[in-house]
Every structure is written in structure tokens, then in C-alpha cells.
């Protein structure tokens, strides 16, 4: 699967932040365009990037600082979700990151703005990024945020970088806020997702074509009491996944998730209380009507993976109608990547 424009083969994997910065100073001077690669899990999101060279974060895989007592973890961008879980598990702590992508890198997760199923309780990924360091398109090293207390002046770089898809440069390190793991967990099968309305702050309420589940955590007595609303499927969390090359997400007001589900005849994973319904299809005959409805109610439909080569034109626009503030986006990106050499064209509207 090619990640480069036809006829190009150059690939770089800098081993340090300084090496990354020096590389981008040289590339910027030549106007060489780049596509950034982490674990490769989210390359199908957005417009295809036809670049002169690829730049990987795979060698940036160091644990910079872990402070269990302060509930903070700072890592380089190439560290994977699996490695983070392996580090935190003995301390009974979690970063509440995506649960089903152990090979995804933290740089890729933050750049793509991917949140896990526990978003209903802990909020989206952007809420737990305390500090981020970015190498800009012209080779500057810029750090924003703070490792213990959020202290922002000027650009709120952690929030800007989260979901930027590399438009501000290459994320090279991230500091995360952590949470202690609970005493007890349970996955509970529900007759109806609305049954979870009686629960106090469930971790997640998910629905697929096979049924609905509530995910509970806390003191053992509290979990046991709450679990009485359904049938306990497991002591622990059993998360649904897709086994499909092409996927998309309907993103709508949370109250409309049941309406979104009723419109589907393909495999899906609905996050009640969050407003996201993922579906296992890339069929334009399914996606286009779903997109029209999503946009009519103030939402959107985003293609999240594709079965074909990531540098090939998708069958439908990955993003849908561009947001109204694109002129502001362009001015902001120009401050970090003046020659627009990092992941050019990936964002909505081909920015």
C-alpha cells in the first residue's frame, strides 16, 4: 500500500526531536512535501496525502517521564497504546485512550483526535492532553501546555494539535493526564439502551446490531448494585470491534443516536450519550443518504477507514461539507507550516 506519490520512495524515521527538527528545516528549505506516519491505524481518515517523502515517528518511542503520584505520563509520539497500557497496568492507572487499537501510537491518536469508548465518563482525548511538543513544518520545536497544571498563554497548543492531522507539524511528545483504575468493573447486557438512564454516570453505553451493553466501574458493591439492571456478561470490559476494511462515523447530537441507528442496515457500534455511530461500510449508496441526514440535523459523517490504497481517491468525500471557518484555519496553519509541507490537503476542503 503506497503512502507516497507515484515514483517516490524516500522514507525518514528520525530518532530524536532534534533530528526531526533538522529534517524539517531541510525539507522546508526545498519545499518537499511529507506524509507523517505513526502506527498507520488512521491513515484512511481524511483526504489522501500525495507527498514527496514519508516521515515516521516509529523511532520516537521513549517513556520520558512517569509520575504515578501526580497521575501524569509523558511519552514520545511513537509509543503505542499497548505499551502505555503495559506500563500503567501494574500501577492500576489508565489514560482512558482508545481501547481496541494496541498498535496505534499516541502521536497518531492525538493527531487524529481519536477518543475511546470511555469518552462518556472521561471526556474526549483532547481533555487529557496536558502538554504537547510539535516540530513545525519549518523545523521549529514548539511546546504548549504544562505537565501538572494547565497554564496557557497564546495558542492552546494541546487542543489545537489534537485532531489537527499534522496540519500544525509533527507531534513528537505528549503529556497525558491519568486516572486510577477502579476496584471493580463489569459489562452488563441490556434489553434496551434506554435502561441505562437509571444508572449514575456509566462508563459507556454501547449498542450494536446484536444488542446493548452498559460498562460499569467503581466500588464492588456499587457495581454489583448497578449491574442488577441487566445480565452481567463479564467481570471486566468486553469492547465491540469491527472486522471490516471500510468504516465511517455518523456524528450527531447525542439525543439523536436512536434515530441514527434506525436508519442503518449495516453493522454498527453506537455510543449512546456521546453522539457517535460507527458503521462498517464504505458503500456510497449507504453513506450519502446517511450524510445528508446527519448534516440536516447539525451533524456530520466522516469516513474513518478505506479498503483501497490510502493515496487513491476515495469513492465519496471523506469529510462532507467543509466547515465555515476555513479562512481562519488557513491562517492558523500558516503560522506553524508556512509552506504547507506536512500532510498537505488532508483536512476538509483540501487544506
Protein backbone atom coordinates (compact mmCIF):
# COMPACT_ATOMS: atom_id res chain seq x y z
CA UNK A 1 0.00 0.00 0.00
CA UNK A 2 1.74 3.14 -1.17
CA UNK A 3 1.86 6.18 1.07
CA UNK A 4 3.82 8.28 -1.43
CA UNK A 5 3.17 9.98 -4.70
CA UNK A 6 3.90 7.77 -7.73
CA UNK A 7 7.61 7.33 -8.39
CA UNK A 8 8.85 8.33 -4.91
CA UNK A 9 10.40 6.05 -2.33
CA UNK A 10 12.08 8.30 0.28
CA UNK A 11 11.31 7.46 3.89
CA UNK A 12 12.65 9.07 7.08
CA UNK A 13 12.40 7.91 10.71
CA UNK A 14 14.24 10.44 12.91
CA UNK A 15 15.39 9.06 16.26
CA UNK A 16 15.15 12.25 18.29
CA UNK A 17 13.31 15.57 18.42
CA UNK A 18 16.46 17.37 17.29
CA UNK A 19 16.77 15.05 14.30
CA UNK A 20 13.13 15.63 13.41
CA UNK A 21 13.58 19.40 13.62
CA UNK A 22 16.72 19.31 11.47
CA UNK A 23 14.98 17.11 8.91
CA UNK A 24 12.07 19.55 8.59
CA UNK A 25 14.36 22.55 8.27
CA UNK A 26 15.93 20.86 5.26
CA UNK A 27 12.64 19.69 3.77
CA UNK A 28 11.07 23.11 4.21
CA UNK A 29 14.00 24.80 2.50
CA UNK A 30 13.44 22.56 -0.54
CA UNK A 31 9.64 22.74 -0.41
CA UNK A 32 9.50 18.95 -0.04
CA UNK A 33 6.03 17.74 0.99
CA UNK A 34 5.64 14.99 3.59
CA UNK A 35 3.12 12.50 4.88
CA UNK A 36 3.51 11.63 8.57
CA UNK A 37 3.10 8.00 9.69
CA UNK A 38 2.62 6.75 13.24
CA UNK A 39 1.22 3.25 13.64
CA UNK A 40 -0.67 3.54 10.35
CA UNK A 41 -4.04 2.91 12.03
CA UNK A 42 -5.70 6.17 10.96
CA UNK A 43 -4.23 6.81 7.52
CA UNK A 44 -7.63 6.22 5.96
CA UNK A 45 -9.17 9.24 7.70
CA UNK A 46 -9.41 12.35 5.56
CA UNK A 47 -8.25 13.18 2.06
CA UNK A 48 -5.34 11.20 0.59
CA UNK A 49 -1.93 12.84 1.02
CA UNK A 50 0.24 12.73 -2.10
CA UNK A 51 3.65 13.64 -0.73
CA UNK A 52 7.26 13.61 -1.88
CA UNK A 53 8.52 11.68 1.19
CA UNK A 54 7.13 9.92 4.26
CA UNK A 55 8.24 10.73 7.80
CA UNK A 56 7.66 8.14 10.55
CA UNK A 57 7.60 8.56 14.32
CA UNK A 58 8.39 4.89 14.94
CA UNK A 59 11.85 5.63 16.42
CA UNK A 60 10.44 8.19 18.86
CA UNK A 61 9.39 5.51 21.34
CA UNK A 62 10.80 6.61 24.70
CA UNK A 63 8.96 6.98 28.02
CA UNK A 64 10.09 10.48 29.02
CA UNK A 65 8.56 10.81 32.48
CA UNK A 66 6.04 8.85 34.53
CA UNK A 67 4.78 10.28 37.81
CA UNK A 68 2.26 7.81 39.30
CA UNK A 69 1.61 10.01 42.34
CA UNK A 70 0.88 13.04 40.16
CA UNK A 71 -1.14 10.97 37.65
CA UNK A 72 0.88 12.18 34.66
CA UNK A 73 2.74 10.37 31.89
CA UNK A 74 4.97 11.97 29.24
CA UNK A 75 5.97 9.87 26.23
CA UNK A 76 7.39 10.32 22.76
CA UNK A 77 4.94 10.20 19.88
CA UNK A 78 5.85 6.71 18.66
CA UNK A 79 4.86 4.94 21.89
CA UNK A 80 1.89 2.64 21.27
CA UNK A 81 -1.37 2.26 23.16
CA UNK A 82 -0.33 -1.27 24.08
CA UNK A 83 2.96 -0.04 25.56
CA UNK A 84 1.15 2.63 27.59
CA UNK A 85 -1.31 0.08 28.99
CA UNK A 86 1.55 -2.29 29.84
CA UNK A 87 3.30 0.49 31.75
CA UNK A 88 0.22 1.68 33.65
CA UNK A 89 -1.46 -1.65 34.49
CA UNK A 90 0.86 -2.57 37.41
CA UNK A 91 0.05 0.82 38.99
CA UNK A 92 -3.70 0.37 38.42
CA UNK A 93 -3.87 3.54 36.36
CA UNK A 94 -5.29 4.36 32.94
CA UNK A 95 -5.01 7.09 30.32
CA UNK A 96 -8.54 6.27 29.07
CA UNK A 97 -7.32 6.15 25.48
CA UNK A 98 -8.82 4.06 22.62
CA UNK A 99 -9.30 0.55 23.95
CA UNK A 100 -9.16 -1.57 20.79
CA UNK A 101 -6.08 -0.24 18.94
CA UNK A 102 -2.96 -1.52 20.76
CA UNK A 103 -0.68 -0.81 17.77
CA UNK A 104 -1.80 2.81 17.37
CA UNK A 105 0.74 5.40 18.53
CA UNK A 106 -0.05 8.19 20.95
CA UNK A 107 1.08 10.73 18.35
CA UNK A 108 -1.34 9.29 15.82
CA UNK A 109 -4.22 9.10 18.30
CA UNK A 110 -3.77 12.74 19.33
CA UNK A 111 -3.21 13.97 15.77
CA UNK A 112 -6.36 12.20 14.58
CA UNK A 113 -8.34 13.23 17.67
CA UNK A 114 -9.41 9.63 18.32
CA UNK A 115 -11.24 9.03 21.60
CA UNK A 116 -12.10 5.72 23.24
CA UNK A 117 -15.46 4.34 24.34
CA UNK A 118 -14.91 5.73 27.85
CA UNK A 119 -15.38 9.25 26.49
CA UNK A 120 -18.82 9.39 28.13
CA UNK A 121 -17.15 9.49 31.58
CA UNK A 122 -13.69 10.93 30.94
CA UNK A 123 -14.35 13.23 28.01
CA UNK A 124 -12.56 13.24 24.63
CA UNK A 125 -8.82 12.74 24.18
CA UNK A 126 -8.19 16.49 23.98
CA UNK A 127 -9.29 16.82 27.63
CA UNK A 128 -6.43 14.64 28.87
CA UNK A 129 -3.56 16.10 26.81
CA UNK A 130 -1.77 18.36 29.31
CA UNK A 131 1.27 19.21 27.18
CA UNK A 132 2.34 18.60 23.61
CA UNK A 133 5.55 19.25 21.67
CA UNK A 134 5.36 19.76 17.91
CA UNK A 135 8.03 20.10 15.25
CA UNK A 136 6.58 22.65 12.85
CA UNK A 137 6.73 22.49 9.08
CA UNK A 138 9.73 24.83 9.06
CA UNK A 139 11.62 22.92 11.77
CA UNK A 140 10.84 24.83 14.98
CA UNK A 141 10.29 22.90 18.22
CA UNK A 142 7.20 24.29 19.94
CA UNK A 143 5.83 23.16 23.32
CA UNK A 144 2.49 24.18 24.77
CA UNK A 145 0.61 23.38 27.98
CA UNK A 146 2.09 22.20 31.27
CA UNK A 147 2.76 18.77 32.76
CA UNK A 148 0.97 19.27 36.08
CA UNK A 149 -1.33 22.31 35.85
CA UNK A 150 -2.70 23.58 32.55
CA UNK A 151 -1.21 27.02 32.12
CA UNK A 152 -1.96 28.50 28.72
CA UNK A 153 -0.90 31.78 27.20
CA UNK A 154 -1.25 32.46 23.50
CA UNK A 155 -2.23 29.38 21.47
CA UNK A 156 -3.72 26.46 23.46
CA UNK A 157 -1.40 24.10 21.61
CA UNK A 158 -2.59 20.80 23.18
CA UNK A 159 -6.14 21.42 21.97
CA UNK A 160 -5.04 22.82 18.63
CA UNK A 161 -2.80 19.82 17.94
CA UNK A 162 -5.47 17.28 18.93
CA UNK A 163 -7.36 16.44 15.77
CA UNK A 164 -5.10 18.60 13.58
CA UNK A 165 -3.97 15.62 11.41
CA UNK A 166 -0.47 17.06 11.26
CA UNK A 167 -1.55 20.44 9.89
CA UNK A 168 0.50 22.22 12.60
CA UNK A 169 3.51 19.94 12.25
CA UNK A 170 4.64 16.58 13.65
CA UNK A 171 3.66 15.76 17.22
CA UNK A 172 6.83 14.44 18.86
CA UNK A 173 5.83 14.13 22.53
CA UNK A 174 2.68 14.20 24.66
CA UNK A 175 1.97 14.53 28.38
CA UNK A 176 -1.23 12.78 29.47
CA UNK A 177 -3.47 13.11 32.49
CA UNK A 178 -4.12 9.73 34.12
CA UNK A 179 -6.86 8.21 36.29
CA UNK A 180 -6.73 5.49 38.94
CA UNK A 181 -8.34 2.21 37.96
CA UNK A 182 -11.45 1.23 39.96
CA UNK A 183 -11.89 -1.68 42.33
CA UNK A 184 -14.44 -3.42 40.15
CA UNK A 185 -15.64 -3.48 36.52
CA UNK A 186 -18.50 -5.14 34.70
CA UNK A 187 -20.03 -5.37 31.23
CA UNK A 188 -23.80 -5.69 31.52
CA UNK A 189 -26.17 -6.78 28.76
CA UNK A 190 -29.27 -4.58 28.49
CA UNK A 191 -32.69 -5.24 26.99
CA UNK A 192 -32.74 -1.64 25.75
CA UNK A 193 -30.04 1.08 25.81
CA UNK A 194 -32.61 3.38 27.44
CA UNK A 195 -32.42 1.14 30.54
CA UNK A 196 -29.06 2.77 31.28
CA UNK A 197 -30.86 6.06 32.02
CA UNK A 198 -31.35 4.82 35.58
CA UNK A 199 -27.58 4.47 36.12
CA UNK A 200 -25.35 7.14 37.62
CA UNK A 201 -22.64 8.00 35.11
CA UNK A 202 -21.98 4.67 33.42
CA UNK A 203 -18.58 4.47 31.82
CA UNK A 204 -20.16 3.80 28.42
CA UNK A 205 -23.44 2.63 26.90
CA UNK A 206 -22.90 0.91 23.57
CA UNK A 207 -25.25 -0.71 21.10
CA UNK A 208 -24.61 -2.95 18.11
CA UNK A 209 -26.95 -4.93 15.86
CA UNK A 210 -26.55 -7.76 18.41
CA UNK A 211 -27.77 -5.80 21.45
CA UNK A 212 -26.83 -3.15 24.01
CA UNK A 213 -24.36 -3.03 26.89
CA UNK A 214 -23.56 -0.80 29.85
CA UNK A 215 -19.98 -0.59 31.12
CA UNK A 216 -19.68 -0.03 34.87
CA UNK A 217 -16.82 0.62 37.24
CA UNK A 218 -16.31 1.65 40.85
CA UNK A 219 -16.51 0.03 44.30
CA UNK A 220 -17.58 -3.61 44.09
CA UNK A 221 -20.83 -3.02 46.00
CA UNK A 222 -21.79 -0.11 43.76
CA UNK A 223 -21.06 -2.04 40.56
CA UNK A 224 -23.00 -5.07 41.82
CA UNK A 225 -25.99 -2.88 42.63
CA UNK A 226 -25.95 -1.11 39.26
CA UNK A 227 -25.44 -4.38 37.37
CA UNK A 228 -28.86 -5.59 38.51
CA UNK A 229 -30.46 -3.68 35.60
CA UNK A 230 -29.30 -6.37 33.15
CA UNK A 231 -27.33 -9.57 32.72
CA UNK A 232 -23.65 -9.44 33.64
CA UNK A 233 -21.73 -10.55 30.56
CA UNK A 234 -18.26 -10.33 32.11
CA UNK A 235 -16.33 -9.15 35.14
CA UNK A 236 -14.29 -6.63 33.21
CA UNK A 237 -14.78 -4.87 29.90
CA UNK A 238 -15.64 -6.57 26.64
CA UNK A 239 -15.44 -3.94 23.88
CA UNK A 240 -17.02 -4.35 20.44
CA UNK A 241 -14.85 -4.11 17.35
CA UNK A 242 -15.27 -4.11 13.58
CA UNK A 243 -13.71 -6.66 11.26
CA UNK A 244 -14.19 -4.51 8.16
CA UNK A 245 -11.74 -2.60 5.94
CA UNK A 246 -14.10 0.32 5.28
CA UNK A 247 -15.75 2.26 8.11
CA UNK A 248 -17.42 5.60 8.73
CA UNK A 249 -18.89 7.55 11.64
CA UNK A 250 -22.15 9.43 11.98
CA UNK A 251 -21.60 12.28 14.43
CA UNK A 252 -24.88 13.73 15.64
CA UNK A 253 -26.41 15.30 18.77
CA UNK A 254 -26.48 12.57 21.45
CA UNK A 255 -30.29 12.60 21.67
CA UNK A 256 -30.47 11.54 18.01
CA UNK A 257 -28.39 8.35 18.31
CA UNK A 258 -31.53 6.13 18.39
CA UNK A 259 -32.75 7.83 15.20
CA UNK A 260 -29.36 7.25 13.55
CA UNK A 261 -29.44 3.57 14.50
CA UNK A 262 -32.90 3.13 12.98
CA UNK A 263 -31.57 4.34 9.62
CA UNK A 264 -28.89 1.64 9.34
CA UNK A 265 -28.95 -1.84 7.85
CA UNK A 266 -25.20 -2.45 8.17
CA UNK A 267 -23.07 -3.47 11.20
CA UNK A 268 -22.71 -0.57 13.62
CA UNK A 269 -21.43 0.49 17.05
CA UNK A 270 -23.48 3.28 18.62
CA UNK A 271 -22.17 5.32 21.56
CA UNK A 272 -25.24 6.49 23.47
CA UNK A 273 -24.74 9.71 25.38
CA UNK A 274 -21.86 10.69 23.09
CA UNK A 275 -23.46 11.03 19.66
CA UNK A 276 -21.21 8.75 17.58
CA UNK A 277 -22.44 5.84 15.49
CA UNK A 278 -19.70 3.92 13.68
CA UNK A 279 -20.69 1.74 10.74
CA UNK A 280 -18.90 -0.99 8.83
CA UNK A 281 -19.43 0.08 5.24
CA UNK A 282 -17.89 2.21 2.52
CA UNK A 283 -20.83 1.89 0.13
CA UNK A 284 -21.70 5.36 -1.22
CA UNK A 285 -25.34 4.28 -1.53
CA UNK A 286 -25.37 3.91 2.26
CA UNK A 287 -23.08 6.77 3.20
CA UNK A 288 -24.51 9.55 1.06
CA UNK A 289 -28.09 9.37 2.45
CA UNK A 290 -26.69 9.00 5.96
CA UNK A 291 -24.52 12.08 5.43
CA UNK A 292 -27.44 14.11 4.13
CA UNK A 293 -29.45 13.29 7.23
CA UNK A 294 -26.53 13.94 9.62
CA UNK A 295 -25.85 17.36 8.12
CA UNK A 296 -29.57 18.22 8.17
CA UNK A 297 -29.59 17.79 11.98
CA UNK A 298 -26.35 19.71 12.56
CA UNK A 299 -24.01 16.74 12.49
CA UNK A 300 -21.59 15.15 10.03
CA UNK A 301 -20.48 11.86 8.54
CA UNK A 302 -16.75 11.11 8.35
CA UNK A 303 -15.07 8.21 6.55
CA UNK A 304 -12.67 6.63 9.05
CA UNK A 305 -11.05 3.85 7.01
CA UNK A 306 -10.98 2.64 3.42
CA UNK A 307 -10.23 -0.72 1.82
CA UNK A 308 -8.26 0.72 -1.10
CA UNK A 309 -4.82 2.35 -1.16
CA UNK A 310 -4.65 5.39 1.10
CA UNK A 311 -3.21 7.53 -1.71
CA UNK A 312 -6.14 6.73 -4.03
CA UNK A 313 -9.15 8.98 -4.46
CA UNK A 314 -11.99 7.85 -2.14
CA UNK A 315 -15.39 6.94 -3.56
CA UNK A 316 -17.02 9.82 -1.65
CA UNK A 317 -15.62 12.93 0.04
CA UNK A 318 -14.17 11.74 3.37
CA UNK A 319 -15.36 14.81 5.31
CA UNK A 320 -18.55 16.13 3.75
CA UNK A 321 -19.41 19.81 3.72
CA UNK A 322 -16.37 21.89 4.80
CA UNK A 323 -16.73 23.98 7.99
CA UNK A 324 -17.40 27.72 7.60
CA UNK A 325 -14.21 28.85 9.34
CA UNK A 326 -11.71 27.60 6.75
CA UNK A 327 -10.09 31.01 6.23
CA UNK A 328 -9.26 31.07 9.95
CA UNK A 329 -7.88 27.52 9.71
CA UNK A 330 -5.62 28.50 6.85
CA UNK A 331 -4.21 31.49 8.75
CA UNK A 332 -3.58 29.38 11.84
CA UNK A 333 -1.86 26.62 9.88
CA UNK A 334 0.33 29.18 8.10
CA UNK A 335 1.76 30.22 11.48
CA UNK A 336 3.10 26.68 12.01
CA UNK A 337 3.68 25.40 8.48
CA UNK A 338 4.22 28.43 6.20
CA UNK A 339 4.94 26.37 3.06
CA UNK A 340 2.28 23.76 3.92
CA UNK A 341 4.55 20.75 3.57
CA UNK A 342 3.11 18.49 6.33
CA UNK A 343 0.10 16.33 5.32
CA UNK A 344 -0.97 18.86 2.72
CA UNK A 345 -4.58 18.50 1.61
CA UNK A 346 -5.73 16.03 4.25
CA UNK A 347 -8.19 18.32 6.06
CA UNK A 348 -11.73 19.22 4.96
CA UNK A 349 -11.78 21.30 1.79
CA UNK A 350 -8.32 20.02 0.83
CA UNK A 351 -6.42 22.26 3.26
